[in-house]
C-alpha atoms as a PDB file:
ATOM      1  CA  UNK A   1     108.167 121.092 103.480  1.00  0.00           C
ATOM      2  CA  UNK A   2     106.478 123.308 105.454  1.00  0.00           C
ATOM      3  CA  UNK A   3     106.049 122.714 109.247  1.00  0.00           C
ATOM      4  CA  UNK A   4     102.176 122.954 109.107  1.00  0.00           C
ATOM      5  CA  UNK A   5     102.260 119.507 106.874  1.00  0.00           C
ATOM      6  CA  UNK A   6     104.856 117.511 109.071  1.00  0.00           C
ATOM      7  CA  UNK A   7     102.302 118.766 112.176  1.00  0.00           C
ATOM      8  CA  UNK A   8      98.592 117.972 110.162  1.00  0.00           C
ATOM      9  CA  UNK A   9     100.246 114.622 108.719  1.00  0.00           C
ATOM     10  CA  UNK A  10     101.259 113.256 112.314  1.00  0.00           C
ATOM     11  CA  UNK A  11      98.261 114.666 114.026  1.00  0.00           C
ATOM     12  CA  UNK A  12      95.840 112.872 111.277  1.00  0.00           C
ATOM     13  CA  UNK A  13      97.864 109.465 112.018  1.00  0.00           C
ATOM     14  CA  UNK A  14      98.071 110.090 115.934  1.00  0.00           C
ATOM     15  CA  UNK A  15      94.220 110.808 115.858  1.00  0.00           C
ATOM     16  CA  UNK A  16      93.325 107.941 113.733  1.00  0.00           C
ATOM     17  CA  UNK A  17      94.954 105.344 115.733  1.00  0.00           C
ATOM     18  CA  UNK A  18      93.106 106.611 118.778  1.00  0.00           C
ATOM     19  CA  UNK A  19      89.989 106.895 117.113  1.00  0.00           C
ATOM     20  CA  UNK A  20      90.142 103.493 115.945  1.00  0.00           C
ATOM     21  CA  UNK A  21      91.386 102.341 119.026  1.00  0.00           C
ATOM     22  CA  UNK A  22      88.265 104.158 120.844  1.00  0.00           C
ATOM     23  CA  UNK A  23      85.857 102.930 118.204  1.00  0.00           C
ATOM     24  CA  UNK A  24      86.962  99.194 117.916  1.00  0.00           C
ATOM     25  CA  UNK A  25      88.737  98.764 121.207  1.00  0.00           C
ATOM     26  CA  UNK A  26      91.779  96.701 121.769  1.00  0.00           C
ATOM     27  CA  UNK A  27      92.165  93.647 119.390  1.00  0.00           C
ATOM     28  CA  UNK A  28      93.883  90.308 120.256  1.00  0.00           C
ATOM     29  CA  UNK A  29      97.386  91.115 121.712  1.00  0.00           C
ATOM     30  CA  UNK A  30      99.445  89.488 118.766  1.00  0.00           C
ATOM     31  CA  UNK A  31      98.188  91.963 116.281  1.00  0.00           C
ATOM     32  CA  UNK A  32      99.405  95.038 118.732  1.00  0.00           C
ATOM     33  CA  UNK A  33     102.492  93.204 119.174  1.00  0.00           C
ATOM     34  CA  UNK A  34     102.935  92.657 115.483  1.00  0.00           C
ATOM     35  CA  UNK A  35     102.244  96.710 114.727  1.00  0.00           C
ATOM     36  CA  UNK A  36     104.737  97.663 116.872  1.00  0.00           C
ATOM     37  CA  UNK A  37     107.508  95.551 115.695  1.00  0.00           C
ATOM     38  CA  UNK A  38     106.481  96.591 112.126  1.00  0.00           C
ATOM     39  CA  UNK A  39     106.638 100.509 113.146  1.00  0.00           C
ATOM     40  CA  UNK A  40     109.954  99.561 114.377  1.00  0.00           C
ATOM     41  CA  UNK A  41     110.848  97.744 111.782  1.00  0.00           C
ATOM     42  CA  UNK A  42     110.304 100.542 109.056  1.00  0.00           C
ATOM     43  CA  UNK A  43     111.695 103.293 111.375  1.00  0.00           C
ATOM     44  CA  UNK A  44     115.065 101.350 111.677  1.00  0.00           C
ATOM     45  CA  UNK A  45     114.617 100.602 107.822  1.00  0.00           C
ATOM     46  CA  UNK A  46     117.115 102.599 105.261  1.00  0.00           C
ATOM     47  CA  UNK A  47     115.307 104.370 102.791  1.00  0.00           C
ATOM     48  CA  UNK A  48     115.803 102.739  98.607  1.00  0.00           C
ATOM     49  CA  UNK A  49     118.125 105.242  96.939  1.00  0.00           C
ATOM     50  CA  UNK A  50     115.656 106.389  94.512  1.00  0.00           C
ATOM     51  CA  UNK A  51     113.097 107.088  97.088  1.00  0.00           C
ATOM     52  CA  UNK A  52     114.600 109.448  99.420  1.00  0.00           C
ATOM     53  CA  UNK A  53     112.785 113.013  99.826  1.00  0.00           C
ATOM     54  CA  UNK A  54     110.571 114.809 101.813  1.00  0.00           C
ATOM     55  CA  UNK A  55     107.268 112.932 100.489  1.00  0.00           C
ATOM     56  CA  UNK A  56     108.851 109.447 101.489  1.00  0.00           C
ATOM     57  CA  UNK A  57     109.709 110.925 105.045  1.00  0.00           C
ATOM     58  CA  UNK A  58     106.480 112.122 105.887  1.00  0.00           C
ATOM     59  CA  UNK A  59     104.349 109.042 104.564  1.00  0.00           C
ATOM     60  CA  UNK A  60     107.063 106.674 106.053  1.00  0.00           C
ATOM     61  CA  UNK A  61     106.993 108.610 109.510  1.00  0.00           C
ATOM     62  CA  UNK A  62     102.797 109.024 109.492  1.00  0.00           C
ATOM     63  CA  UNK A  63     102.867 105.231 108.914  1.00  0.00           C
ATOM     64  CA  UNK A  64     105.318 104.832 111.597  1.00  0.00           C
ATOM     65  CA  UNK A  65     103.405 106.886 114.437  1.00  0.00           C
ATOM     66  CA  UNK A  66     100.189 105.430 112.900  1.00  0.00           C
ATOM     67  CA  UNK A  67     101.458 101.962 113.918  1.00  0.00           C
ATOM     68  CA  UNK A  68     103.416 102.556 116.871  1.00  0.00           C
ATOM     69  CA  UNK A  69     100.191 104.404 118.521  1.00  0.00           C
ATOM     70  CA  UNK A  70      97.996 101.984 117.677  1.00  0.00           C
ATOM     71  CA  UNK A  71     100.337  99.079 118.825  1.00  0.00           C
ATOM     72  CA  UNK A  72     101.252 100.790 122.228  1.00  0.00           C
ATOM     73  CA  UNK A  73      97.428 101.622 122.989  1.00  0.00           C
ATOM     74  CA  UNK A  74      96.007  98.448 122.333  1.00  0.00           C
ATOM     75  CA  UNK A  75      98.383  96.716 124.465  1.00  0.00           C
ATOM     76  CA  UNK A  76      97.746  99.237 127.105  1.00  0.00           C
ATOM     77  CA  UNK A  77      94.002  98.685 126.773  1.00  0.00           C
ATOM     78  CA  UNK A  78      94.117  95.172 126.407  1.00  0.00           C
ATOM     79  CA  UNK A  79      91.953  93.000 129.021  1.00  0.00           C
ATOM     80  CA  UNK A  80      91.912  89.678 129.945  1.00  0.00           C
ATOM     81  CA  UNK A  81      88.387  88.461 130.314  1.00  0.00           C
ATOM     82  CA  UNK A  82      87.845  87.510 133.917  1.00  0.00           C
ATOM     83  CA  UNK A  83      84.191  86.428 135.005  1.00  0.00           C
ATOM     84  CA  UNK A  84      82.547  88.036 137.653  1.00  0.00           C
ATOM     85  CA  UNK A  85      81.541  85.903 140.782  1.00  0.00           C
ATOM     86  CA  UNK A  86      78.298  87.247 141.879  1.00  0.00           C
END
């Protein structure tokens, strides 16, 4: 598989996660924590025997990057709501 496809796929995943964080802001902290846990679960999961190959690796890697960036980015952007006293 060509390197350009890997860079393009991971770049789109990263860009989409950052764009969603920018447009919709951080959601509840537990959604972002669940996203990080799912990303780590996908990353540590061994591939099924008949699904091994570069296409599976690329698609799973892109999903991993998206979930990890969206999860960590949302937890870093999460702010509690404090009332401002005048």
